Amino acid sequence: MDAHSARYQVVLVGASLGGAEALQVLLGGLRTDLPAPVVVVQHLGPGTSALDSVLGKVSRHPVVWAHDGVRLEPGTVYLCPGRTGVRLEPDGTLTVRPMAGRSSYGQVDELFTSASTSMGAHVLALVLTGLGNDGTAGSLAVHRAGGTVIAQDEFTSTAFGMPSAVIKAGAADLVLPLGELPDLLDRVVGAGRPAGAHARGPGHRGDVRGRW
């Protein structure tokens, strides 16, 4: 993943309950070729998953499973396997390791936190539908490093636990309906437009066009 002048050099997505459907809307709605990689954590159970095939049918971008040492490429969607800890390293590669225990909980926090250290303000993180609060600590790390965090709104979330926790922690720069997220990514990542200052307050819905 080569450094470039675009405001966002990596897009991170965290989701759990209802996430597979939300990801189809997000990836299927993108109209431009993103000049940044997309790394997705969708909480998954043990064994194999057909999520790559499901998303590959609706996405114009390649959808692949992440593996240890893979170098991120622009315009590619990387899915984190279930029960793995995935970290984004400063050299643009992913470290993928088995997680202890029987749950994928904590995957979002680990990915987001490592990316905030490696990429700083060049991170755009999306927290979609899901139970619990995985992603809250990681979103705070991204926010504090100067990156941008967007939470899915309650009305379009199957489960509002994860987005709600991020909002309550003050880590969400914007709260948007799921249907608006593809257009936002097209404009702020696909167009490579620089971002302005943070929104007027955590969880402020606002007019996205006024920020970018």
N, C-alpha and C. Protein backbone atom coordinates (compact mmCIF):
# COMPACT_ATOMS: atom_id res chain seq x y z
N MET A 1 0.86 -1.19 0.00
CA MET A 1 0.00 0.00 0.00
C MET A 1 0.89 1.23 0.00
N ASP A 2 1.00 1.87 -1.11
CA ASP A 2 1.88 3.03 -1.23
C ASP A 2 1.25 4.26 -0.63
N ALA A 3 2.07 5.09 -0.03
CA ALA A 3 1.58 6.36 0.50
C ALA A 3 1.19 7.27 -0.65
N HIS A 4 0.14 8.03 -0.44
CA HIS A 4 -0.28 8.99 -1.46
C HIS A 4 -0.90 10.19 -0.78
N SER A 5 -1.29 11.16 -1.55
CA SER A 5 -1.73 12.43 -0.98
C SER A 5 -3.19 12.44 -0.58
N ALA A 6 -3.93 11.37 -0.84
CA ALA A 6 -5.35 11.35 -0.49
C ALA A 6 -5.53 11.47 1.01
N ARG A 7 -6.63 12.09 1.39
CA ARG A 7 -6.90 12.27 2.82
C ARG A 7 -7.01 10.92 3.52
N TYR A 8 -7.73 9.99 2.94
CA TYR A 8 -7.91 8.68 3.57
C TYR A 8 -7.17 7.61 2.78
N GLN A 9 -6.29 6.90 3.45
CA GLN A 9 -5.49 5.87 2.82
C GLN A 9 -5.97 4.47 3.15
N VAL A 10 -6.91 4.35 4.07
CA VAL A 10 -7.50 3.05 4.38
C VAL A 10 -8.90 3.28 4.94
N VAL A 11 -9.82 2.39 4.57
CA VAL A 11 -11.18 2.42 5.09
C VAL A 11 -11.37 1.15 5.93
N LEU A 12 -11.80 1.32 7.16
CA LEU A 12 -12.05 0.20 8.06
C LEU A 12 -13.54 0.10 8.33
N VAL A 13 -14.05 -1.12 8.40
CA VAL A 13 -15.47 -1.34 8.67
C VAL A 13 -15.61 -2.40 9.75
N GLY A 14 -16.39 -2.10 10.79
CA GLY A 14 -16.69 -3.07 11.84
C GLY A 14 -18.17 -3.32 11.92
N ALA A 15 -18.58 -4.58 12.02
CA ALA A 15 -20.01 -4.92 12.06
C ALA A 15 -20.18 -6.26 12.77
N SER A 16 -21.41 -6.49 13.22
CA SER A 16 -21.74 -7.78 13.84
C SER A 16 -23.14 -8.17 13.38
N LEU A 17 -24.10 -8.27 14.29
CA LEU A 17 -25.45 -8.72 13.93
C LEU A 17 -26.06 -7.81 12.87
N GLY A 18 -26.47 -8.40 11.75
CA GLY A 18 -27.03 -7.63 10.65
C GLY A 18 -25.97 -7.09 9.71
N GLY A 19 -24.72 -7.39 9.99
CA GLY A 19 -23.64 -6.81 9.21
C GLY A 19 -23.54 -7.32 7.79
N ALA A 20 -23.84 -8.59 7.58
CA ALA A 20 -23.73 -9.14 6.22
C ALA A 20 -24.65 -8.39 5.27
N GLU A 21 -25.87 -8.11 5.72
CA GLU A 21 -26.82 -7.37 4.89
C GLU A 21 -26.37 -5.92 4.71
N ALA A 22 -25.87 -5.32 5.80
CA ALA A 22 -25.41 -3.94 5.71
C ALA A 22 -24.22 -3.81 4.76
N LEU A 23 -23.33 -4.78 4.80
CA LEU A 23 -22.16 -4.74 3.92
C LEU A 23 -22.56 -4.87 2.45
N GLN A 24 -23.61 -5.63 2.17
CA GLN A 24 -24.08 -5.72 0.79
C GLN A 24 -24.57 -4.37 0.29
N VAL A 25 -25.27 -3.63 1.16
CA VAL A 25 -25.74 -2.29 0.80
C VAL A 25 -24.55 -1.36 0.61
N LEU A 26 -23.60 -1.40 1.54
CA LEU A 26 -22.45 -0.51 1.48
C LEU A 26 -21.61 -0.75 0.23
N LEU A 27 -21.18 -2.00 0.04
CA LEU A 27 -20.29 -2.30 -1.09
C LEU A 27 -21.03 -2.27 -2.41
N GLY A 28 -22.28 -2.71 -2.40
CA GLY A 28 -23.05 -2.72 -3.64
C GLY A 28 -23.42 -1.35 -4.13
N GLY A 29 -23.41 -0.36 -3.23
CA GLY A 29 -23.79 0.99 -3.61
C GLY A 29 -22.64 1.86 -4.09
N LEU A 30 -21.41 1.37 -3.98
CA LEU A 30 -20.26 2.16 -4.42
C LEU A 30 -20.22 2.24 -5.93
N ARG A 31 -20.01 3.45 -6.45
CA ARG A 31 -20.01 3.65 -7.90
C ARG A 31 -18.62 3.96 -8.44
N THR A 32 -17.70 4.37 -7.57
CA THR A 32 -16.37 4.74 -8.04
C THR A 32 -15.33 3.72 -7.59
N ASP A 33 -14.21 3.73 -8.26
CA ASP A 33 -13.09 2.87 -7.86
C ASP A 33 -12.35 3.56 -6.72
N LEU A 34 -12.36 2.94 -5.56
CA LEU A 34 -11.73 3.56 -4.40
C LEU A 34 -10.21 3.44 -4.49
N PRO A 35 -9.50 4.55 -4.31
CA PRO A 35 -8.04 4.51 -4.33
C PRO A 35 -7.47 4.16 -2.96
N ALA A 36 -8.23 3.37 -2.19
CA ALA A 36 -7.79 2.95 -0.86
C ALA A 36 -8.32 1.54 -0.61
N PRO A 37 -7.61 0.73 0.17
CA PRO A 37 -8.12 -0.58 0.54
C PRO A 37 -9.22 -0.46 1.58
N VAL A 38 -10.08 -1.47 1.65
CA VAL A 38 -11.14 -1.55 2.64
C VAL A 38 -10.94 -2.82 3.45
N VAL A 39 -10.82 -2.70 4.76
CA VAL A 39 -10.63 -3.86 5.64
C VAL A 39 -11.87 -4.01 6.50
N VAL A 40 -12.49 -5.18 6.44
CA VAL A 40 -13.79 -5.41 7.08
C VAL A 40 -13.67 -6.45 8.18
N VAL A 41 -14.16 -6.10 9.35
CA VAL A 41 -14.38 -7.06 10.42
C VAL A 41 -15.89 -7.27 10.55
N GLN A 42 -16.34 -8.47 10.22
CA GLN A 42 -17.71 -8.90 10.45
C GLN A 42 -17.61 -10.08 11.41
N HIS A 43 -18.17 -9.95 12.61
CA HIS A 43 -18.07 -11.05 13.56
C HIS A 43 -18.62 -12.33 12.96
N LEU A 44 -17.78 -13.35 12.91
CA LEU A 44 -18.16 -14.63 12.31
C LEU A 44 -17.93 -15.76 13.30
N GLY A 45 -18.69 -16.82 13.14
CA GLY A 45 -18.51 -18.00 13.96
C GLY A 45 -17.40 -18.87 13.44
N PRO A 46 -17.23 -20.06 14.02
CA PRO A 46 -16.16 -20.97 13.58
C PRO A 46 -16.47 -21.56 12.21
N GLY A 47 -15.44 -22.13 11.60
CA GLY A 47 -15.63 -22.78 10.31
C GLY A 47 -15.57 -21.81 9.15
N THR A 48 -15.96 -22.29 8.00
CA THR A 48 -15.87 -21.50 6.78
C THR A 48 -17.07 -20.57 6.65
N SER A 49 -16.93 -19.58 5.82
CA SER A 49 -18.01 -18.62 5.56
C SER A 49 -18.02 -18.30 4.08
N ALA A 50 -19.21 -18.07 3.55
CA ALA A 50 -19.36 -17.70 2.15
C ALA A 50 -19.49 -16.19 1.99
N LEU A 51 -19.09 -15.43 3.02
CA LEU A 51 -19.28 -13.99 2.97
C LEU A 51 -18.55 -13.37 1.79
N ASP A 52 -17.37 -13.89 1.44
CA ASP A 52 -16.64 -13.33 0.31
C ASP A 52 -17.43 -13.50 -0.99
N SER A 53 -18.08 -14.65 -1.15
CA SER A 53 -18.88 -14.90 -2.36
C SER A 53 -20.11 -14.01 -2.38
N VAL A 54 -20.76 -13.87 -1.22
CA VAL A 54 -21.96 -13.04 -1.13
C VAL A 54 -21.64 -11.60 -1.48
N LEU A 55 -20.59 -11.07 -0.88
CA LEU A 55 -20.24 -9.67 -1.14
C LEU A 55 -19.64 -9.49 -2.53
N GLY A 56 -18.93 -10.50 -3.00
CA GLY A 56 -18.34 -10.41 -4.32
C GLY A 56 -19.36 -10.27 -5.43
N LYS A 57 -20.58 -10.76 -5.18
CA LYS A 57 -21.62 -10.68 -6.20
C LYS A 57 -22.19 -9.27 -6.35
N VAL A 58 -22.03 -8.45 -5.32
CA VAL A 58 -22.62 -7.11 -5.37
C VAL A 58 -21.57 -6.01 -5.46
N SER A 59 -20.31 -6.34 -5.19
CA SER A 59 -19.24 -5.34 -5.15
C SER A 59 -18.52 -5.25 -6.48
N ARG A 60 -18.20 -4.04 -6.90
CA ARG A 60 -17.38 -3.85 -8.09
C ARG A 60 -15.90 -3.96 -7.76
N HIS A 61 -15.60 -4.08 -6.47
CA HIS A 61 -14.22 -4.25 -6.02
C HIS A 61 -13.97 -5.71 -5.66
N PRO A 62 -12.77 -6.23 -5.87
CA PRO A 62 -12.45 -7.60 -5.46
C PRO A 62 -12.65 -7.77 -3.95
N VAL A 63 -13.21 -8.89 -3.54
CA VAL A 63 -13.44 -9.19 -2.13
C VAL A 63 -12.66 -10.46 -1.81
N VAL A 64 -11.69 -10.36 -0.90
CA VAL A 64 -10.82 -11.50 -0.59
C VAL A 64 -10.69 -11.64 0.93
N TRP A 65 -10.28 -12.82 1.36
CA TRP A 65 -10.00 -13.04 2.78
C TRP A 65 -8.60 -12.54 3.10
N ALA A 66 -8.48 -11.87 4.22
CA ALA A 66 -7.17 -11.40 4.68
C ALA A 66 -6.35 -12.58 5.17
N HIS A 67 -5.03 -12.52 4.95
CA HIS A 67 -4.14 -13.53 5.50
C HIS A 67 -2.88 -12.86 6.01
N ASP A 68 -2.18 -13.55 6.85
CA ASP A 68 -1.01 -12.96 7.49
C ASP A 68 0.03 -12.52 6.46
N GLY A 69 0.47 -11.28 6.58
CA GLY A 69 1.50 -10.75 5.72
C GLY A 69 1.01 -10.14 4.42
N VAL A 70 -0.30 -10.17 4.15
CA VAL A 70 -0.81 -9.62 2.90
C VAL A 70 -0.58 -8.10 2.87
N ARG A 71 -0.15 -7.60 1.74
CA ARG A 71 0.04 -6.16 1.57
C ARG A 71 -1.24 -5.58 0.96
N LEU A 72 -1.79 -4.59 1.62
CA LEU A 72 -3.06 -4.01 1.18
C LEU A 72 -2.89 -3.28 -0.15
N GLU A 73 -3.86 -3.49 -1.02
CA GLU A 73 -3.87 -2.85 -2.33
C GLU A 73 -5.11 -1.97 -2.46
N PRO A 74 -4.98 -0.81 -3.07
CA PRO A 74 -6.14 0.07 -3.27
C PRO A 74 -7.25 -0.64 -4.05
N GLY A 75 -8.48 -0.34 -3.69
CA GLY A 75 -9.60 -0.87 -4.43
C GLY A 75 -9.94 -2.31 -4.15
N THR A 76 -9.34 -2.90 -3.12
CA THR A 76 -9.62 -4.29 -2.75
C THR A 76 -10.24 -4.32 -1.37
N VAL A 77 -11.22 -5.21 -1.18
CA VAL A 77 -11.90 -5.38 0.10
C VAL A 77 -11.33 -6.64 0.77
N TYR A 78 -10.83 -6.48 1.98
CA TYR A 78 -10.23 -7.58 2.73
C TYR A 78 -11.15 -7.95 3.89
N LEU A 79 -11.58 -9.20 3.95
CA LEU A 79 -12.41 -9.69 5.04
C LEU A 79 -11.55 -10.37 6.09
N CYS A 80 -11.74 -10.01 7.35
CA CYS A 80 -10.98 -10.63 8.43
C CYS A 80 -11.64 -11.95 8.83
N PRO A 81 -10.91 -13.05 8.81
CA PRO A 81 -11.50 -14.33 9.21
C PRO A 81 -12.00 -14.30 10.65
N GLY A 82 -13.00 -15.13 10.95
CA GLY A 82 -13.52 -15.20 12.30
C GLY A 82 -12.48 -15.69 13.29
N ARG A 83 -12.59 -15.21 14.51
CA ARG A 83 -11.70 -15.62 15.60
C ARG A 83 -10.23 -15.38 15.30
N THR A 84 -9.95 -14.28 14.63
CA THR A 84 -8.57 -13.88 14.40
C THR A 84 -8.38 -12.45 14.86
N GLY A 85 -7.18 -12.18 15.36
CA GLY A 85 -6.80 -10.81 15.65
C GLY A 85 -6.06 -10.26 14.45
N VAL A 86 -6.56 -9.16 13.89
CA VAL A 86 -5.97 -8.58 12.68
C VAL A 86 -5.46 -7.18 12.99
N ARG A 87 -4.21 -6.95 12.66
CA ARG A 87 -3.59 -5.65 12.91
C ARG A 87 -3.05 -5.08 11.60
N LEU A 88 -3.18 -3.77 11.45
CA LEU A 88 -2.59 -3.07 10.31
C LEU A 88 -1.24 -2.53 10.72
N GLU A 89 -0.20 -2.99 10.03
CA GLU A 89 1.16 -2.61 10.37
C GLU A 89 1.57 -1.34 9.62
N PRO A 90 2.59 -0.63 10.11
CA PRO A 90 3.04 0.60 9.46
C PRO A 90 3.49 0.43 8.01
N ASP A 91 3.91 -0.79 7.63
CA ASP A 91 4.35 -1.01 6.26
C ASP A 91 3.20 -1.34 5.31
N GLY A 92 1.96 -1.25 5.80
CA GLY A 92 0.82 -1.49 4.93
C GLY A 92 0.44 -2.95 4.79
N THR A 93 0.97 -3.82 5.64
CA THR A 93 0.59 -5.22 5.63
C THR A 93 -0.30 -5.53 6.82
N LEU A 94 -0.97 -6.68 6.77
CA LEU A 94 -1.81 -7.13 7.86
C LEU A 94 -1.13 -8.28 8.60
N THR A 95 -1.21 -8.23 9.90
CA THR A 95 -0.82 -9.36 10.74
C THR A 95 -2.10 -10.06 11.17
N VAL A 96 -2.20 -11.34 10.89
CA VAL A 96 -3.41 -12.11 11.21
C VAL A 96 -3.01 -13.27 12.12
N ARG A 97 -3.58 -13.30 13.32
CA ARG A 97 -3.26 -14.33 14.30
C ARG A 97 -4.54 -14.90 14.90
N PRO A 98 -4.54 -16.19 15.25
CA PRO A 98 -5.71 -16.77 15.93
C PRO A 98 -5.96 -16.08 17.26
N MET A 99 -7.25 -15.90 17.59
CA MET A 99 -7.61 -15.31 18.87
C MET A 99 -7.84 -16.41 19.89
N ALA A 100 -7.48 -16.13 21.13
CA ALA A 100 -7.76 -17.07 22.20
C ALA A 100 -9.26 -17.06 22.51
N GLY A 101 -9.79 -18.19 22.93
CA GLY A 101 -11.20 -18.23 23.29
C GLY A 101 -12.07 -18.65 22.13
N ARG A 102 -13.37 -18.51 22.34
CA ARG A 102 -14.34 -19.03 21.36
C ARG A 102 -15.16 -17.93 20.71
N SER A 103 -14.67 -16.72 20.75
CA SER A 103 -15.42 -15.59 20.23
C SER A 103 -14.53 -14.70 19.38
N SER A 104 -15.17 -13.96 18.45
CA SER A 104 -14.45 -12.97 17.65
C SER A 104 -14.53 -11.59 18.29
N TYR A 105 -15.09 -11.51 19.50
CA TYR A 105 -15.26 -10.22 20.14
C TYR A 105 -13.91 -9.57 20.40
N GLY A 106 -13.79 -8.30 20.09
CA GLY A 106 -12.56 -7.56 20.25
C GLY A 106 -11.80 -7.37 18.94
N GLN A 107 -12.27 -8.04 17.88
CA GLN A 107 -11.61 -7.90 16.57
C GLN A 107 -11.61 -6.47 16.07
N VAL A 108 -12.74 -5.78 16.21
CA VAL A 108 -12.86 -4.42 15.68
C VAL A 108 -11.91 -3.49 16.42
N ASP A 109 -11.90 -3.61 17.75
CA ASP A 109 -11.02 -2.76 18.54
C ASP A 109 -9.56 -2.96 18.15
N GLU A 110 -9.15 -4.21 17.97
CA GLU A 110 -7.74 -4.47 17.65
C GLU A 110 -7.36 -3.88 16.29
N LEU A 111 -8.21 -4.08 15.29
CA LEU A 111 -7.91 -3.54 13.97
C LEU A 111 -7.89 -2.02 13.98
N PHE A 112 -8.92 -1.41 14.54
CA PHE A 112 -9.01 0.05 14.55
C PHE A 112 -7.84 0.67 15.31
N THR A 113 -7.52 0.11 16.47
CA THR A 113 -6.45 0.68 17.30
C THR A 113 -5.10 0.59 16.59
N SER A 114 -4.83 -0.57 15.98
CA SER A 114 -3.55 -0.71 15.27
C SER A 114 -3.48 0.25 14.09
N ALA A 115 -4.60 0.43 13.39
CA ALA A 115 -4.61 1.36 12.24
C ALA A 115 -4.39 2.80 12.69
N SER A 116 -4.94 3.15 13.84
CA SER A 116 -4.76 4.52 14.33
C SER A 116 -3.29 4.81 14.61
N THR A 117 -2.57 3.80 15.07
CA THR A 117 -1.14 3.94 15.33
C THR A 117 -0.35 3.99 14.04
N SER A 118 -0.74 3.16 13.08
CA SER A 118 0.02 3.04 11.83
C SER A 118 -0.27 4.14 10.83
N MET A 119 -1.56 4.58 10.77
CA MET A 119 -1.99 5.49 9.71
C MET A 119 -2.46 6.85 10.21
N GLY A 120 -2.67 6.99 11.50
CA GLY A 120 -3.06 8.27 12.07
C GLY A 120 -4.31 8.87 11.45
N ALA A 121 -4.18 10.10 10.96
CA ALA A 121 -5.33 10.84 10.43
C ALA A 121 -5.81 10.32 9.09
N HIS A 122 -5.12 9.35 8.50
CA HIS A 122 -5.50 8.84 7.19
C HIS A 122 -6.49 7.68 7.26
N VAL A 123 -7.09 7.47 8.45
CA VAL A 123 -8.02 6.36 8.64
C VAL A 123 -9.46 6.87 8.61
N LEU A 124 -10.29 6.19 7.82
CA LEU A 124 -11.74 6.41 7.85
C LEU A 124 -12.36 5.13 8.36
N ALA A 125 -13.02 5.18 9.51
CA ALA A 125 -13.57 4.00 10.16
C ALA A 125 -15.10 4.07 10.22
N LEU A 126 -15.75 2.98 9.83
CA LEU A 126 -17.20 2.89 9.86
C LEU A 126 -17.61 1.82 10.87
N VAL A 127 -18.51 2.16 11.77
CA VAL A 127 -19.06 1.20 12.72
C VAL A 127 -20.52 0.97 12.35
N LEU A 128 -20.80 -0.25 11.89
CA LEU A 128 -22.14 -0.59 11.44
C LEU A 128 -22.89 -1.39 12.50
N THR A 129 -24.06 -1.84 12.15
CA THR A 129 -24.95 -2.57 13.03
C THR A 129 -24.25 -3.70 13.78
N GLY A 130 -24.63 -3.90 15.03
CA GLY A 130 -24.04 -4.99 15.82
C GLY A 130 -24.35 -4.84 17.30
N LEU A 131 -24.34 -5.97 18.00
CA LEU A 131 -24.54 -5.98 19.44
C LEU A 131 -23.22 -5.71 20.17
N GLY A 132 -23.34 -5.26 21.43
CA GLY A 132 -22.16 -5.06 22.24
C GLY A 132 -21.46 -3.75 21.97
N ASN A 133 -20.19 -3.67 22.37
CA ASN A 133 -19.45 -2.41 22.22
C ASN A 133 -18.09 -2.61 21.57
N ASP A 134 -17.89 -3.74 20.87
CA ASP A 134 -16.63 -3.90 20.14
C ASP A 134 -16.51 -2.78 19.12
N GLY A 135 -15.39 -2.13 19.11
CA GLY A 135 -15.18 -0.99 18.22
C GLY A 135 -15.15 0.35 18.93
N THR A 136 -15.61 0.38 20.18
CA THR A 136 -15.64 1.66 20.89
C THR A 136 -14.23 2.14 21.22
N ALA A 137 -13.44 1.27 21.84
CA ALA A 137 -12.07 1.67 22.18
C ALA A 137 -11.27 1.98 20.92
N GLY A 138 -11.45 1.17 19.88
CA GLY A 138 -10.74 1.41 18.64
C GLY A 138 -11.16 2.70 17.96
N SER A 139 -12.46 3.02 18.01
CA SER A 139 -12.95 4.25 17.43
C SER A 139 -12.40 5.47 18.16
N LEU A 140 -12.31 5.37 19.48
CA LEU A 140 -11.71 6.47 20.25
C LEU A 140 -10.25 6.67 19.84
N ALA A 141 -9.54 5.58 19.61
CA ALA A 141 -8.14 5.69 19.18
C ALA A 141 -8.04 6.36 17.81
N VAL A 142 -8.91 5.97 16.88
CA VAL A 142 -8.92 6.60 15.55
C VAL A 142 -9.25 8.08 15.67
N HIS A 143 -10.27 8.40 16.44
CA HIS A 143 -10.71 9.79 16.62
C HIS A 143 -9.58 10.65 17.19
N ARG A 144 -8.92 10.13 18.22
CA ARG A 144 -7.86 10.89 18.89
C ARG A 144 -6.63 11.06 18.00
N ALA A 145 -6.44 10.13 17.05
CA ALA A 145 -5.30 10.22 16.14
C ALA A 145 -5.58 11.14 14.96
N GLY A 146 -6.80 11.69 14.90
CA GLY A 146 -7.14 12.62 13.83
C GLY A 146 -7.88 12.00 12.67
N GLY A 147 -8.15 10.69 12.76
CA GLY A 147 -8.95 10.03 11.73
C GLY A 147 -10.42 10.37 11.89
N THR A 148 -11.25 9.76 11.05
CA THR A 148 -12.68 10.04 11.06
C THR A 148 -13.46 8.77 11.34
N VAL A 149 -14.44 8.86 12.22
CA VAL A 149 -15.29 7.72 12.58
C VAL A 149 -16.73 8.04 12.25
N ILE A 150 -17.37 7.12 11.55
CA ILE A 150 -18.78 7.29 11.18
C ILE A 150 -19.56 6.11 11.74
N ALA A 151 -20.66 6.39 12.42
CA ALA A 151 -21.51 5.36 12.98
C ALA A 151 -22.83 5.28 12.22
N GLN A 152 -23.31 4.07 12.00
CA GLN A 152 -24.62 3.88 11.38
C GLN A 152 -25.72 4.32 12.35
N ASP A 153 -26.78 4.91 11.83
CA ASP A 153 -27.83 5.41 12.71
C ASP A 153 -28.72 4.28 13.23
N GLU A 154 -29.52 4.59 14.23
CA GLU A 154 -30.34 3.57 14.89
C GLU A 154 -31.44 3.04 13.98
N PHE A 155 -32.05 3.90 13.20
CA PHE A 155 -33.20 3.50 12.38
C PHE A 155 -32.83 2.43 11.37
N THR A 156 -31.63 2.50 10.79
CA THR A 156 -31.24 1.54 9.77
C THR A 156 -30.39 0.38 10.32
N SER A 157 -30.15 0.36 11.63
CA SER A 157 -29.35 -0.70 12.23
C SER A 157 -30.25 -1.85 12.68
N THR A 158 -29.84 -3.06 12.38
CA THR A 158 -30.53 -4.23 12.92
C THR A 158 -30.33 -4.29 14.42
N ALA A 159 -29.12 -4.00 14.87
CA ALA A 159 -28.78 -3.92 16.29
C ALA A 159 -27.95 -2.65 16.48
N PHE A 160 -28.37 -1.81 17.41
CA PHE A 160 -27.74 -0.50 17.55
C PHE A 160 -26.66 -0.47 18.62
N GLY A 161 -26.31 -1.64 19.18
CA GLY A 161 -25.35 -1.66 20.28
C GLY A 161 -24.00 -1.08 19.93
N MET A 162 -23.37 -1.57 18.89
CA MET A 162 -22.02 -1.11 18.54
C MET A 162 -22.00 0.36 18.12
N PRO A 163 -22.87 0.79 17.19
CA PRO A 163 -22.86 2.22 16.86
C PRO A 163 -23.20 3.11 18.06
N SER A 164 -24.18 2.67 18.86
CA SER A 164 -24.59 3.47 20.01
C SER A 164 -23.46 3.66 21.00
N ALA A 165 -22.70 2.60 21.25
CA ALA A 165 -21.58 2.69 22.19
C ALA A 165 -20.53 3.68 21.70
N VAL A 166 -20.28 3.67 20.40
CA VAL A 166 -19.30 4.60 19.82
C VAL A 166 -19.79 6.04 19.96
N ILE A 167 -21.08 6.24 19.69
CA ILE A 167 -21.65 7.59 19.80
C ILE A 167 -21.59 8.09 21.24
N LYS A 168 -22.00 7.23 22.19
CA LYS A 168 -22.02 7.63 23.60
C LYS A 168 -20.62 7.92 24.13
N ALA A 169 -19.62 7.27 23.55
CA ALA A 169 -18.24 7.51 23.99
C ALA A 169 -17.67 8.80 23.41
N GLY A 170 -18.41 9.44 22.50
CA GLY A 170 -17.93 10.68 21.89
C GLY A 170 -16.94 10.46 20.77
N ALA A 171 -16.93 9.24 20.18
CA ALA A 171 -15.95 8.94 19.14
C ALA A 171 -16.49 9.09 17.73
N ALA A 172 -17.79 9.28 17.58
CA ALA A 172 -18.38 9.36 16.24
C ALA A 172 -18.36 10.80 15.73
N ASP A 173 -17.73 11.01 14.59
CA ASP A 173 -17.74 12.32 13.97
C ASP A 173 -19.04 12.57 13.22
N LEU A 174 -19.62 11.50 12.69
CA LEU A 174 -20.89 11.59 11.98
C LEU A 174 -21.73 10.36 12.28
N VAL A 175 -23.05 10.53 12.29
CA VAL A 175 -24.00 9.43 12.41
C VAL A 175 -24.90 9.51 11.20
N LEU A 176 -24.89 8.45 10.37
CA LEU A 176 -25.59 8.50 9.10
C LEU A 176 -26.39 7.22 8.86
N PRO A 177 -27.48 7.33 8.09
CA PRO A 177 -28.20 6.12 7.67
C PRO A 177 -27.33 5.28 6.75
N LEU A 178 -27.56 3.98 6.78
CA LEU A 178 -26.77 3.07 5.96
C LEU A 178 -26.79 3.46 4.49
N GLY A 179 -27.95 3.86 3.99
CA GLY A 179 -28.08 4.18 2.57
C GLY A 179 -27.25 5.36 2.10
N GLU A 180 -26.80 6.21 3.03
CA GLU A 180 -25.99 7.36 2.64
C GLU A 180 -24.49 7.06 2.63
N LEU A 181 -24.10 5.93 3.20
CA LEU A 181 -22.68 5.64 3.33
C LEU A 181 -21.97 5.38 1.99
N PRO A 182 -22.57 4.65 1.04
CA PRO A 182 -21.86 4.47 -0.23
C PRO A 182 -21.56 5.78 -0.93
N ASP A 183 -22.51 6.71 -0.94
CA ASP A 183 -22.28 7.99 -1.60
C ASP A 183 -21.18 8.77 -0.89
N LEU A 184 -21.15 8.68 0.44
CA LEU A 184 -20.09 9.37 1.17
C LEU A 184 -18.72 8.82 0.80
N LEU A 185 -18.60 7.49 0.75
CA LEU A 185 -17.31 6.91 0.38
C LEU A 185 -16.93 7.27 -1.05
N ASP A 186 -17.92 7.28 -1.95
CA ASP A 186 -17.64 7.68 -3.33
C ASP A 186 -17.04 9.07 -3.38
N ARG A 187 -17.57 9.97 -2.56
CA ARG A 187 -17.16 11.38 -2.63
C ARG A 187 -15.86 11.66 -1.89
N VAL A 188 -15.72 11.12 -0.67
CA VAL A 188 -14.57 11.52 0.14
C VAL A 188 -13.37 10.60 -0.04
N VAL A 189 -13.59 9.38 -0.49
CA VAL A 189 -12.48 8.47 -0.75
C VAL A 189 -12.28 8.32 -2.25
N GLY A 190 -13.35 7.99 -2.97
CA GLY A 190 -13.23 7.80 -4.41
C GLY A 190 -12.77 9.05 -5.13
N ALA A 191 -13.24 10.21 -4.66
CA ALA A 191 -12.85 11.46 -5.29
C ALA A 191 -11.53 11.98 -4.75
N GLY A 192 -11.08 11.39 -3.62
CA GLY A 192 -9.81 11.82 -3.04
C GLY A 192 -9.85 13.23 -2.50
N ARG A 193 -11.03 13.69 -2.09
CA ARG A 193 -11.13 15.07 -1.58
C ARG A 193 -10.64 15.15 -0.14
N PRO A 194 -9.91 16.20 0.20
CA PRO A 194 -9.45 16.32 1.57
C PRO A 194 -10.59 16.66 2.51
N ALA A 195 -10.46 16.21 3.74
CA ALA A 195 -11.48 16.51 4.74
C ALA A 195 -11.13 17.77 5.48
N GLY A 196 -12.16 18.43 5.98
CA GLY A 196 -11.95 19.61 6.79
C GLY A 196 -11.86 19.24 8.25
N ALA A 197 -12.23 20.16 9.11
CA ALA A 197 -12.18 19.89 10.55
C ALA A 197 -13.25 18.88 10.91
N HIS A 198 -13.15 18.38 12.14
CA HIS A 198 -14.16 17.45 12.62
C HIS A 198 -15.53 18.12 12.65
N ALA A 199 -16.58 17.29 12.70
CA ALA A 199 -17.94 17.81 12.77
C ALA A 199 -18.12 18.59 14.06
N ARG A 200 -19.25 19.26 14.17
CA ARG A 200 -19.45 20.18 15.29
C ARG A 200 -19.58 19.49 16.64
N GLY A 201 -19.74 18.20 16.64
CA GLY A 201 -19.81 17.49 17.91
C GLY A 201 -19.95 16.01 17.65
N PRO A 202 -19.62 15.15 18.65
CA PRO A 202 -19.72 13.72 18.46
C PRO A 202 -21.14 13.33 18.11
N GLY A 203 -21.29 12.51 17.07
CA GLY A 203 -22.61 12.03 16.71
C GLY A 203 -23.43 13.03 15.94
N HIS A 204 -22.87 14.14 15.53
CA HIS A 204 -23.61 15.14 14.78
C HIS A 204 -23.90 14.62 13.39
N ARG A 205 -25.15 14.65 12.99
CA ARG A 205 -25.50 14.11 11.69
C ARG A 205 -25.06 15.07 10.60
N GLY A 206 -25.52 16.29 10.69
CA GLY A 206 -25.03 17.35 9.82
C GLY A 206 -25.18 17.11 8.35
N ASP A 207 -24.61 18.02 7.57
CA ASP A 207 -24.58 17.93 6.12
C ASP A 207 -23.18 17.53 5.73
N VAL A 208 -23.01 16.29 5.27
CA VAL A 208 -21.69 15.78 4.97
C VAL A 208 -21.00 16.65 3.94
N ARG A 209 -21.75 17.18 3.00
CA ARG A 209 -21.15 17.98 1.94
C ARG A 209 -20.49 19.23 2.48
N GLY A 210 -20.89 19.65 3.68
CA GLY A 210 -20.28 20.82 4.27
C GLY A 210 -18.91 20.53 4.86
N ARG A 211 -18.57 19.25 5.05
CA ARG A 211 -17.30 18.89 5.65
C ARG A 211 -16.25 18.57 4.61
N TRP A 212 -16.65 18.09 3.45
CA TRP A 212 -15.68 17.66 2.44
C TRP A 212 -15.87 18.41 1.15
